[in-house]
Amino acid sequence: MPTLPVLPRMRAFVVWATIAAICAASATEARADEEMQATARSGRVFSGRLDDRTNDRELWLRSDRDGVTIARPIEWSAVTALKRGAAAVAHEELIAEARRLREARPQPQRHVVRQAIEFSPDAAVTTPQVAKAGELQTWRPVAHFVEVSQRPTVRWIEIDGYLANWDADVEADGLLLDLNAYDESGEAVAAGGTLSVELIGETVPPYSRGNAAPMLARWTRQVSAADFARGYARLRFEFQAVHPDFQRVNGRFALIHARLLVPGQGTFEASRDAVALQGFSPVRERVEQAFGTRFLPTETTGRGHRESGINLP
């Protein structure tokens, strides 16, 4: 039976292997171009195509809008469900697809005789590096600059605040603030900038000039895109000089006013009224009326001591 010589057989194997690799890459790209939906713990559903920056830590979805490609990272810990079309898909499968897309991505090369410029992702300047004549230098434009120029524009923000205790004592420690930023189409976006928050109390009639809305606290915080891993940023703000559980305040509710300054985009404001300063507790109300403190002798507060002066039967 006639057989092919060794060299033609090797060439035929290389040709078939190349064809198989091209077919596999084409199939992977076809799957990646399919629209998929990722459901976050917050209940929001994010849609888009798989981006090859998906890794073990983050799922990246990209979408095209008005000729601009927008990529959004979502931490895997915040994803509760994944669907491609009507079928569920495992995150391990998406990580493997993204890896194949990265490997199949062409790496452009150009012949540089005098000089090659390498971009630094952490600086806005370029660093020239002299190349030897005849050397091939690989130019890899850093995606950081693309993301900055194409990041979604914030159009408005929303906030929500509620009383919280985040340590081992019995009294509330401050407020948790949920910050949401949205683009012009109402999609949640990650916004970095300076956040200023004011906690404004209330007084009861009769009012006198200047005391109708006392300032109970004021905070300033830097927020970054990483704070929006849930789809929104959850921030802690500890009570300052005025602590409603230890200092008497007029009224049980307050208003939170937030101002977010996003560089290059503007300043955005939002307020939330009827934020509780004290949890509902009929027993503590009566104890405070009788003894001037909201805590019982058996309770240790964050001040490091037990309340005294109350004789329990």
Protein backbone atom coordinates (compact mmCIF):
# COMPACT_ATOMS: atom_id res chain seq x y z
CA MET A 1 0.00 0.00 0.00
CA PRO A 2 1.61 3.33 -1.01
CA THR A 3 2.32 5.82 1.76
CA LEU A 4 3.23 9.46 1.75
CA PRO A 5 6.84 10.41 2.49
CA VAL A 6 7.53 11.79 5.96
CA LEU A 7 7.84 15.44 4.91
CA PRO A 8 4.53 15.63 2.98
CA ARG A 9 2.79 13.85 5.87
CA MET A 10 4.14 16.45 8.31
CA ARG A 11 3.00 19.26 6.03
CA ALA A 12 -0.46 17.71 5.77
CA PHE A 13 -0.63 17.42 9.57
CA VAL A 14 0.35 21.06 9.98
CA VAL A 15 -2.31 22.13 7.48
CA TRP A 16 -5.05 20.14 9.20
CA ALA A 17 -3.94 21.38 12.65
CA THR A 18 -4.05 24.97 11.40
CA ILE A 19 -7.51 24.47 9.93
CA ALA A 20 -8.73 22.92 13.21
CA ALA A 21 -7.29 25.81 15.23
CA ILE A 22 -8.96 28.36 12.93
CA CYS A 23 -12.29 26.55 13.21
CA ALA A 24 -12.00 26.41 17.01
CA ALA A 25 -11.14 30.10 17.20
CA SER A 26 -14.04 30.96 14.89
CA ALA A 27 -16.44 28.93 17.06
CA THR A 28 -15.15 30.63 20.20
CA GLU A 29 -15.56 34.08 18.63
CA ALA A 30 -19.08 33.18 17.50
CA ARG A 31 -20.04 32.17 21.03
CA ALA A 32 -18.43 35.30 22.47
CA ASP A 33 -20.48 37.48 20.12
CA GLU A 34 -23.72 36.06 21.50
CA GLU A 35 -25.59 38.34 23.89
CA MET A 36 -25.57 37.15 27.50
CA GLN A 37 -27.11 38.24 30.77
CA ALA A 38 -25.49 38.35 34.21
CA THR A 39 -27.71 38.74 37.27
CA ALA A 40 -26.11 40.48 40.27
CA ARG A 41 -26.96 40.08 43.94
CA SER A 42 -28.64 43.48 43.86
CA GLY A 43 -31.15 42.09 41.36
CA ARG A 44 -29.85 44.11 38.41
CA VAL A 45 -29.32 42.30 35.12
CA PHE A 46 -26.33 43.29 32.99
CA SER A 47 -26.32 42.43 29.28
CA GLY A 48 -23.49 42.33 26.80
CA ARG A 49 -20.99 40.18 24.95
CA LEU A 50 -18.11 38.36 26.56
CA ASP A 51 -14.93 40.44 26.64
CA ASP A 52 -11.53 38.73 26.54
CA ARG A 53 -10.46 40.55 29.71
CA THR A 54 -12.63 38.13 31.71
CA ASN A 55 -10.46 36.35 34.28
CA ASP A 56 -10.67 34.37 37.52
CA ARG A 57 -11.64 37.51 39.45
CA GLU A 58 -13.94 39.48 37.13
CA LEU A 59 -16.48 38.96 34.37
CA TRP A 60 -16.16 41.59 31.63
CA LEU A 61 -19.14 42.38 29.40
CA ARG A 62 -18.95 44.77 26.46
CA SER A 63 -21.66 46.49 24.49
CA ASP A 64 -21.72 48.86 21.52
CA ARG A 65 -23.64 52.09 21.74
CA ASP A 66 -23.51 54.95 19.22
CA GLY A 67 -20.27 53.64 17.76
CA VAL A 68 -18.54 53.42 21.17
CA THR A 69 -17.66 50.13 22.83
CA ILE A 70 -18.26 50.15 26.59
CA ALA A 71 -16.72 47.45 28.77
CA ARG A 72 -17.98 46.78 32.30
CA PRO A 73 -16.21 44.58 34.91
CA ILE A 74 -18.32 42.62 37.42
CA GLU A 75 -16.73 40.65 40.25
CA TRP A 76 -17.64 36.97 40.17
CA SER A 77 -18.64 37.16 43.85
CA ALA A 78 -21.46 39.55 42.88
CA VAL A 79 -22.84 37.34 40.07
CA THR A 80 -25.67 34.97 40.98
CA ALA A 81 -26.81 33.74 37.55
CA LEU A 82 -25.46 33.62 34.00
CA LYS A 83 -27.40 33.02 30.80
CA ARG A 84 -26.47 32.98 27.14
CA GLY A 85 -29.74 33.19 25.30
CA ALA A 86 -32.09 30.89 27.19
CA ALA A 87 -29.39 28.50 28.44
CA ALA A 88 -27.45 28.81 31.67
CA VAL A 89 -23.69 28.93 31.38
CA ALA A 90 -20.97 28.26 33.98
CA HIS A 91 -18.41 30.92 34.78
CA GLU A 92 -15.57 28.41 34.27
CA GLU A 93 -16.69 28.06 30.66
CA LEU A 94 -16.60 31.83 30.14
CA ILE A 95 -13.13 32.10 31.67
CA ALA A 96 -11.88 29.42 29.29
CA GLU A 97 -13.49 31.15 26.30
CA ALA A 98 -11.91 34.48 27.24
CA ARG A 99 -8.52 32.79 27.50
CA ARG A 100 -8.90 31.32 24.00
CA LEU A 101 -9.92 34.73 22.66
CA ARG A 102 -6.81 36.33 24.17
CA GLU A 103 -4.59 33.65 22.67
CA ALA A 104 -6.20 34.07 19.24
CA ARG A 105 -5.94 37.86 19.32
CA PRO A 106 -3.36 39.03 16.75
CA GLN A 107 -0.31 40.76 18.19
CA PRO A 108 0.65 43.57 15.80
CA GLN A 109 4.34 44.13 15.14
CA ARG A 110 6.05 46.88 13.25
CA HIS A 111 9.60 47.49 12.09
CA VAL A 112 11.24 50.28 14.07
CA VAL A 113 14.60 51.67 13.06
CA ARG A 114 15.13 54.68 15.30
CA GLN A 115 12.78 54.69 18.23
CA ALA A 116 9.93 52.77 19.85
CA ILE A 117 7.48 54.37 22.27
CA GLU A 118 6.14 52.32 25.15
CA PHE A 119 3.07 53.63 26.95
CA SER A 120 2.87 53.55 30.73
CA PRO A 121 -0.57 52.71 32.20
CA ASP A 122 0.17 54.71 35.34
CA ALA A 123 1.35 57.95 33.75
CA ALA A 124 0.08 60.37 31.16
CA VAL A 125 3.55 60.79 29.63
CA THR A 126 5.40 58.54 27.21
CA THR A 127 8.86 57.14 27.76
CA PRO A 128 11.03 56.88 24.63
CA GLN A 129 13.24 53.82 24.35
CA VAL A 130 15.89 53.68 21.62
CA ALA A 131 15.78 50.45 19.58
CA LYS A 132 18.61 48.98 17.62
CA ALA A 133 18.39 49.24 13.84
CA GLY A 134 16.55 46.30 12.35
CA GLU A 135 14.93 45.22 15.63
CA LEU A 136 11.29 44.25 15.73
CA GLN A 137 9.48 46.04 18.54
CA THR A 138 6.01 45.02 19.69
CA TRP A 139 3.65 47.91 20.29
CA ARG A 140 0.92 47.15 22.82
CA PRO A 141 -1.40 50.14 23.35
CA VAL A 142 -2.46 50.02 26.99
CA ALA A 143 -6.23 49.50 27.37
CA HIS A 144 -6.21 51.91 30.33
CA PHE A 145 -6.25 54.92 28.01
CA VAL A 146 -9.08 53.46 25.95
CA GLU A 147 -11.16 52.88 29.06
CA VAL A 148 -10.62 56.42 30.30
CA SER A 149 -11.64 57.99 26.98
CA GLN A 150 -14.69 55.75 26.60
CA ARG A 151 -15.93 55.49 30.19
CA PRO A 152 -19.68 56.05 30.57
CA THR A 153 -20.76 59.56 31.50
CA VAL A 154 -22.64 59.98 34.78
CA ARG A 155 -25.97 61.79 34.41
CA TRP A 156 -27.45 61.44 37.88
CA ILE A 157 -26.98 59.69 41.22
CA GLU A 158 -29.25 58.18 43.85
CA ILE A 159 -28.56 57.45 47.51
CA ASP A 160 -30.13 55.46 50.31
CA GLY A 161 -29.07 55.46 53.94
CA TYR A 162 -29.92 53.48 57.03
CA LEU A 163 -28.79 53.02 60.60
CA ALA A 164 -26.17 50.29 61.14
CA ASN A 165 -24.02 48.65 63.79
CA TRP A 166 -20.76 47.13 62.51
CA ASP A 167 -18.94 46.14 65.69
CA ALA A 168 -19.51 44.13 68.89
CA ASP A 169 -21.33 46.68 71.07
CA VAL A 170 -25.08 47.26 71.32
CA GLU A 171 -25.54 50.78 69.98
CA ALA A 172 -25.57 51.88 66.35
CA ASP A 173 -22.20 53.06 65.02
CA GLY A 174 -23.33 55.24 62.14
CA LEU A 175 -24.96 55.10 58.75
CA LEU A 176 -24.52 52.86 55.72
CA LEU A 177 -24.90 54.79 52.48
CA ASP A 178 -25.69 53.09 49.17
CA LEU A 179 -24.56 55.23 46.23
CA ASN A 180 -25.87 54.55 42.71
CA ALA A 181 -24.61 56.32 39.57
CA TYR A 182 -26.45 56.12 36.22
CA ASP A 183 -25.71 57.08 32.64
CA GLU A 184 -28.11 58.76 30.22
CA SER A 185 -29.90 55.48 29.43
CA GLY A 186 -30.41 54.59 33.08
CA GLU A 187 -27.68 51.93 33.21
CA ALA A 188 -25.67 51.69 36.42
CA VAL A 189 -22.07 52.84 35.98
CA ALA A 190 -18.96 52.98 38.16
CA ALA A 191 -18.02 56.55 39.02
CA GLY A 192 -14.83 57.71 40.68
CA GLY A 193 -14.54 61.04 42.40
CA THR A 194 -14.97 62.96 45.65
CA LEU A 195 -18.10 62.31 47.71
CA SER A 196 -19.28 64.85 50.30
CA VAL A 197 -22.08 63.83 52.65
CA GLU A 198 -24.05 65.96 55.13
CA LEU A 199 -26.34 64.67 57.89
CA ILE A 200 -28.98 67.30 58.65
CA GLY A 201 -31.25 66.98 61.68
CA GLU A 202 -34.50 68.63 62.63
CA THR A 203 -35.81 70.65 65.51
CA VAL A 204 -39.28 70.89 66.93
CA PRO A 205 -41.27 74.13 67.12
CA PRO A 206 -40.94 76.86 68.17
CA TYR A 207 -38.06 77.55 65.76
CA SER A 208 -35.48 80.23 66.26
CA ARG A 209 -33.25 81.71 63.59
CA GLY A 210 -30.48 79.34 62.51
CA ASN A 211 -31.56 76.18 64.33
CA ALA A 212 -34.35 74.82 62.10
CA ALA A 213 -32.00 72.31 60.42
CA PRO A 214 -28.86 71.66 62.50
CA MET A 215 -25.85 70.00 60.88
CA LEU A 216 -25.21 66.76 62.79
CA ALA A 217 -22.24 65.47 60.78
CA ARG A 218 -20.24 66.10 57.61
CA TRP A 219 -18.01 63.58 55.82
CA THR A 220 -15.77 63.61 52.73
CA ARG A 221 -14.69 60.40 51.01
CA GLN A 222 -12.84 59.43 47.84
CA VAL A 223 -14.66 56.77 45.84
CA SER A 224 -13.32 54.76 42.91
CA ALA A 225 -14.73 52.43 40.28
CA ALA A 226 -13.70 49.45 42.45
CA ASP A 227 -16.26 50.55 45.09
CA PHE A 228 -19.06 49.78 42.60
CA ALA A 229 -18.38 46.03 42.39
CA ARG A 230 -21.94 45.31 43.55
CA GLY A 231 -23.34 47.62 40.88
CA TYR A 232 -23.48 50.32 43.56
CA ALA A 233 -21.11 51.59 46.26
CA ARG A 234 -21.84 50.80 49.91
CA LEU A 235 -19.99 53.13 52.27
CA ARG A 236 -19.77 53.46 56.06
CA PHE A 237 -20.06 56.81 57.81
CA GLU A 238 -19.45 56.77 61.54
CA PHE A 239 -21.26 59.19 63.84
CA GLN A 240 -19.10 62.14 64.78
CA ALA A 241 -19.53 64.56 67.70
CA VAL A 242 -23.27 63.99 67.84
CA HIS A 243 -24.27 60.40 68.57
CA PRO A 244 -28.07 60.04 68.79
CA ASP A 245 -27.82 57.22 71.33
CA PHE A 246 -25.80 59.35 73.77
CA GLN A 247 -26.69 62.98 72.95
CA ARG A 248 -30.27 64.11 72.88
CA VAL A 249 -31.38 65.24 69.43
CA ASN A 250 -34.69 66.80 68.48
CA GLY A 251 -36.51 64.44 66.20
CA ARG A 252 -35.81 60.83 65.39
CA PHE A 253 -35.16 61.35 61.67
CA ALA A 254 -32.64 63.21 59.55
CA LEU A 255 -31.91 64.08 55.93
CA ILE A 256 -28.79 62.93 54.06
CA HIS A 257 -27.44 65.19 51.35
CA ALA A 258 -24.70 63.83 49.05
CA ARG A 259 -22.60 65.62 46.45
CA LEU A 260 -20.40 63.60 44.06
CA LEU A 261 -17.71 65.44 42.10
CA VAL A 262 -16.63 63.37 39.09
CA PRO A 263 -13.55 64.85 37.37
CA GLY A 264 -14.27 65.88 33.82
CA GLN A 265 -18.00 65.16 34.11
CA GLY A 266 -19.47 67.48 36.74
CA THR A 267 -21.00 67.58 40.21
CA PHE A 268 -24.09 65.51 40.99
CA GLU A 269 -26.34 65.78 44.03
CA ALA A 270 -28.98 63.67 45.73
CA SER A 271 -30.81 63.69 49.06
CA ARG A 272 -32.64 61.11 51.14
CA ASP A 273 -35.15 62.13 53.80
CA ALA A 274 -36.61 60.23 56.77
CA VAL A 275 -33.36 58.45 57.66
CA ALA A 276 -33.77 57.01 61.17
CA LEU A 277 -31.26 58.18 63.79
CA GLN A 278 -32.51 55.76 66.43
CA GLY A 279 -34.02 52.32 66.09
CA PHE A 280 -37.58 51.82 67.24
CA SER A 281 -37.52 50.61 70.87
CA PRO A 282 -40.42 51.32 73.26
CA VAL A 283 -38.41 49.94 76.20
CA ARG A 284 -35.47 52.26 75.58
CA GLU A 285 -37.85 55.21 75.24
CA ARG A 286 -39.27 54.58 78.70
CA VAL A 287 -35.84 53.88 80.19
CA GLU A 288 -34.51 57.16 78.78
CA GLN A 289 -37.49 59.11 80.13
CA ALA A 290 -36.97 57.62 83.59
CA PHE A 291 -33.17 57.49 83.91
CA GLY A 292 -31.72 59.72 81.15
CA THR A 293 -29.94 56.87 79.34
CA ARG A 294 -31.11 54.48 76.64
CA PHE A 295 -29.03 51.53 77.81
CA LEU A 296 -29.45 49.02 80.62
CA PRO A 297 -26.74 48.13 83.17
CA THR A 298 -26.28 44.71 81.56
CA GLU A 299 -25.39 46.24 78.19
CA THR A 300 -21.83 47.22 77.29
CA THR A 301 -21.62 50.20 74.98
CA GLY A 302 -18.87 51.26 72.63
CA ARG A 303 -17.64 53.67 75.26
CA GLY A 304 -16.17 50.69 77.08
CA HIS A 305 -18.35 50.71 80.18
CA ARG A 306 -21.74 49.59 81.40
CA GLU A 307 -24.41 52.13 82.13
CA SER A 308 -24.96 52.74 85.83
CA GLY A 309 -27.62 54.50 87.87
CA ILE A 310 -30.42 52.13 86.95
CA ASN A 311 -31.60 49.65 89.59
CA LEU A 312 -33.22 46.65 88.01
CA PRO A 313 -35.64 44.64 90.18
